[in-house]
């Protein structure tokens, strides 16, 4: 019998729907009604529906974020859905974005990592390369995507974009114009966004 083994990375859950989401001691589940739980020497999650390449890769991405998180970013899959993530980017220090806490949503497909996720800001933003709906105009999420990028690389690139916008390829024409013509006014508007992020749900 073949067991699907995935290293434990998520919080405690229960056995349901033909998969075992958590085992404090480590078990393998055969996915059938009345299947036996076989103890493992390490702590593993057994998830039959996570056996696709995309889901395995996302578990590796999550493991890396937990073990070696880049400064100023965090992210995790939603409960019971490895394909949908919530993330937070903190505004870089010593910039107009300093102190901001900006929420994002990432939607992955089964084509990941061959195709990028759909990423958008949930928090309100004012930036030349961020659309009104929170979608992001960033090359690595479009024509410059590569399977070598993981969730940490995506979030780090978005964090860098905050302080290094490209006004020549605007998603927000007003923000691009103000950035190019009146940087002081642009920074003032950014500070407003930062303050709003403190009280946003």
Protein backbone atom coordinates (compact mmCIF):
# COMPACT_ATOMS: atom_id res chain seq x y z
CA UNK A 1 0.00 0.00 0.00
CA UNK A 2 1.23 3.49 -0.85
CA UNK A 3 0.93 6.26 1.67
CA UNK A 4 1.16 9.95 0.73
CA UNK A 5 3.44 11.65 3.26
CA UNK A 6 3.85 15.38 3.71
CA UNK A 7 5.87 16.99 6.47
CA UNK A 8 3.70 18.56 9.18
CA UNK A 9 3.43 22.30 8.73
CA UNK A 10 -0.10 23.21 9.76
CA UNK A 11 -2.03 23.45 13.00
CA UNK A 12 -3.96 20.64 14.64
CA UNK A 13 -7.03 19.38 12.80
CA UNK A 14 -8.92 16.11 12.59
CA UNK A 15 -9.47 13.16 10.29
CA UNK A 16 -12.28 13.89 7.81
CA UNK A 17 -13.05 13.60 4.14
CA UNK A 18 -10.55 10.78 3.64
CA UNK A 19 -7.41 12.54 4.83
CA UNK A 20 -5.49 13.12 8.01
CA UNK A 21 -4.49 16.74 8.46
CA UNK A 22 -2.51 16.50 11.66
CA UNK A 23 -0.81 13.95 13.83
CA UNK A 24 1.05 14.98 16.94
CA UNK A 25 2.96 11.71 16.99
CA UNK A 26 2.93 11.03 13.28
CA UNK A 27 0.65 8.60 11.43
CA UNK A 28 -0.05 7.35 7.92
CA UNK A 29 -3.67 7.05 6.78
CA UNK A 30 -4.71 4.80 3.91
CA UNK A 31 -7.62 7.04 2.85
CA UNK A 32 -10.29 4.32 3.09
CA UNK A 33 -13.16 3.96 5.47
CA UNK A 34 -11.90 2.24 8.58
CA UNK A 35 -8.31 2.58 7.43
CA UNK A 36 -5.63 2.00 10.01
CA UNK A 37 -3.39 4.69 11.43
CA UNK A 38 0.23 3.54 11.26
CA UNK A 39 2.68 5.43 13.49
CA UNK A 40 5.66 7.17 11.89
CA UNK A 41 8.95 8.12 13.44
CA UNK A 42 8.54 11.77 12.38
CA UNK A 43 5.63 14.21 12.53
CA UNK A 44 3.80 14.07 9.19
CA UNK A 45 0.61 15.29 7.60
CA UNK A 46 -1.08 12.82 5.32
CA UNK A 47 -3.27 14.56 2.80
CA UNK A 48 -4.44 12.53 -0.18
CA UNK A 49 -5.64 15.57 -2.06
CA UNK A 50 -2.29 17.33 -1.55
CA UNK A 51 -0.45 14.79 -3.66
CA UNK A 52 -0.33 17.02 -6.76
CA UNK A 53 2.95 18.73 -7.68
CA UNK A 54 1.47 22.17 -7.03
CA UNK A 55 0.31 21.26 -3.52
CA UNK A 56 3.59 19.58 -2.63
CA UNK A 57 5.47 22.65 -3.81
CA UNK A 58 3.24 24.94 -1.76
CA UNK A 59 3.93 22.88 1.34
CA UNK A 60 7.66 23.31 0.69
CA UNK A 61 7.14 27.04 0.23
CA UNK A 62 5.30 27.19 3.55
CA UNK A 63 8.03 25.21 5.28
CA UNK A 64 10.65 27.67 4.06
CA UNK A 65 8.60 30.65 5.24
CA UNK A 66 8.26 29.07 8.67
CA UNK A 67 11.91 28.09 9.03
CA UNK A 68 13.64 31.03 7.34
CA UNK A 69 11.20 33.95 6.94
CA UNK A 70 12.52 37.00 5.08
CA UNK A 71 12.32 40.23 7.05
CA UNK A 72 9.06 42.11 6.82
CA UNK A 73 6.83 39.46 5.27
CA UNK A 74 4.65 36.60 6.43
CA UNK A 75 2.24 34.24 4.76
CA UNK A 76 0.28 31.04 5.29
CA UNK A 77 -2.43 29.01 3.57
CA UNK A 78 -6.00 29.38 4.70
CA UNK A 79 -7.48 26.59 6.78
CA UNK A 80 -8.22 23.53 4.65
CA UNK A 81 -7.14 25.23 1.41
CA UNK A 82 -3.45 25.08 0.52
CA UNK A 83 -4.23 26.86 -2.77
CA UNK A 84 -5.41 30.09 -1.11
CA UNK A 85 -3.00 32.07 1.07
CA UNK A 86 -3.17 35.12 3.26
CA UNK A 87 -0.06 37.25 3.57
CA UNK A 88 1.16 40.42 5.24
CA UNK A 89 3.86 42.79 4.06
CA UNK A 90 5.29 45.32 6.49
CA UNK A 91 6.40 48.66 5.10
CA UNK A 92 10.21 48.83 4.79
CA UNK A 93 12.02 50.79 7.49
CA UNK A 94 13.12 54.37 6.83
CA UNK A 95 10.74 54.80 3.90
CA UNK A 96 7.33 56.49 3.59
CA UNK A 97 5.86 52.98 3.92
CA UNK A 98 7.54 52.43 7.30
CA UNK A 99 5.08 51.15 9.90
CA UNK A 100 2.46 49.99 7.43
CA UNK A 101 0.86 46.56 7.66
CA UNK A 102 -0.53 45.53 4.30
CA UNK A 103 -2.62 42.42 3.73
CA UNK A 104 -2.62 40.37 0.53
CA UNK A 105 -4.41 37.35 -0.89
CA UNK A 106 -2.67 34.80 -3.13
CA UNK A 107 -4.62 32.33 -5.26
CA UNK A 108 -2.66 29.41 -6.71
CA UNK A 109 -3.69 27.01 -9.46
CA UNK A 110 -2.65 23.45 -10.10
CA UNK A 111 -0.25 24.87 -12.71
CA UNK A 112 1.95 26.35 -9.96
CA UNK A 113 4.95 26.73 -10.06
CA UNK A 114 4.85 26.71 -13.86
CA UNK A 115 2.41 29.62 -13.72
CA UNK A 116 2.33 32.43 -11.15
CA UNK A 117 -0.41 32.90 -8.59
CA UNK A 118 -2.97 35.66 -8.73
CA UNK A 119 -1.93 38.17 -6.10
CA UNK A 120 -3.76 41.25 -4.90
CA UNK A 121 -3.66 43.62 -1.96
CA UNK A 122 -6.63 43.38 0.36
CA UNK A 123 -5.50 46.56 2.11
CA UNK A 124 -6.16 49.88 0.42
CA UNK A 125 -3.08 51.06 -1.47
CA UNK A 126 -1.80 54.13 -3.31
CA UNK A 127 1.00 53.14 -5.65
CA UNK A 128 1.78 53.59 -9.36
CA UNK A 129 1.84 49.83 -9.99
CA UNK A 130 -1.17 48.72 -7.94
CA UNK A 131 -4.67 48.79 -9.43
CA UNK A 132 -7.72 50.04 -7.57
CA UNK A 133 -8.84 46.44 -6.94
CA UNK A 134 -5.47 45.59 -5.36
CA UNK A 135 -4.05 43.74 -8.37
CA UNK A 136 -0.33 44.25 -8.88
CA UNK A 137 1.54 45.16 -12.04
CA UNK A 138 4.82 43.32 -11.47
CA UNK A 139 6.90 41.59 -14.11
CA UNK A 140 7.54 38.38 -12.14
CA UNK A 141 3.78 37.90 -11.79
CA UNK A 142 3.40 38.24 -15.54
CA UNK A 143 5.84 37.79 -18.42
CA UNK A 144 8.98 37.39 -16.27
CA UNK A 145 7.66 34.58 -14.12
CA UNK A 146 9.89 31.57 -13.49
CA UNK A 147 9.23 28.34 -11.56
CA UNK A 148 12.24 29.13 -9.39
CA UNK A 149 10.21 31.83 -7.62
CA UNK A 150 8.46 30.72 -4.45
CA UNK A 151 6.06 32.49 -2.11
CA UNK A 152 8.89 34.14 -0.20
CA UNK A 153 10.36 35.53 -3.44
CA UNK A 154 6.96 36.81 -4.56
CA UNK A 155 6.29 38.65 -1.31
CA UNK A 156 9.83 40.03 -1.12
CA UNK A 157 9.54 41.36 -4.68
CA UNK A 158 6.24 43.06 -3.88
CA UNK A 159 7.75 44.60 -0.77
CA UNK A 160 10.61 45.98 -2.88
CA UNK A 161 8.12 47.35 -5.41
CA UNK A 162 6.58 49.56 -2.74
CA UNK A 163 9.72 51.69 -2.59
CA UNK A 164 10.78 51.29 -6.21
CA UNK A 165 7.73 51.94 -8.41
CA UNK A 166 7.77 52.09 -12.19
CA UNK A 167 5.70 55.14 -13.20
CA UNK A 168 6.26 54.34 -16.88
CA UNK A 169 4.01 51.29 -16.61
CA UNK A 170 1.26 52.60 -14.37
CA UNK A 171 -1.66 50.69 -12.95
CA UNK A 172 -2.74 53.82 -11.08
CA UNK A 173 -2.25 56.83 -13.36
CA UNK A 174 -2.88 59.37 -10.59
CA UNK A 175 -0.29 57.81 -8.30
CA UNK A 176 2.21 57.62 -11.18
CA UNK A 177 1.67 61.28 -12.07
CA UNK A 178 2.04 62.53 -8.49
CA UNK A 179 5.09 60.33 -7.95
CA UNK A 180 6.75 61.86 -11.02
CA UNK A 181 5.68 65.48 -10.47
CA UNK A 182 5.43 66.00 -6.72
CA UNK A 183 7.24 63.42 -4.60
CA UNK A 184 6.41 65.25 -1.37
CA UNK A 185 2.69 65.00 -2.08
CA UNK A 186 3.10 61.38 -3.08
CA UNK A 187 4.84 60.56 0.20
CA UNK A 188 2.06 62.34 2.12
CA UNK A 189 -0.55 60.15 0.44
CA UNK A 190 1.51 57.06 1.21
CA UNK A 191 1.63 58.04 4.87
CA UNK A 192 -2.17 58.27 4.84
CA UNK A 193 -2.33 54.73 3.51
CA UNK A 194 0.08 53.58 6.22
CA UNK A 195 -2.09 55.11 8.93
CA UNK A 196 -5.23 53.54 7.46
CA UNK A 197 -3.53 50.13 7.56
CA UNK A 198 -3.33 50.33 11.34
CA UNK A 199 -7.11 50.40 11.73
CA UNK A 200 -8.20 48.30 8.75
CA UNK A 201 -9.98 45.03 9.46
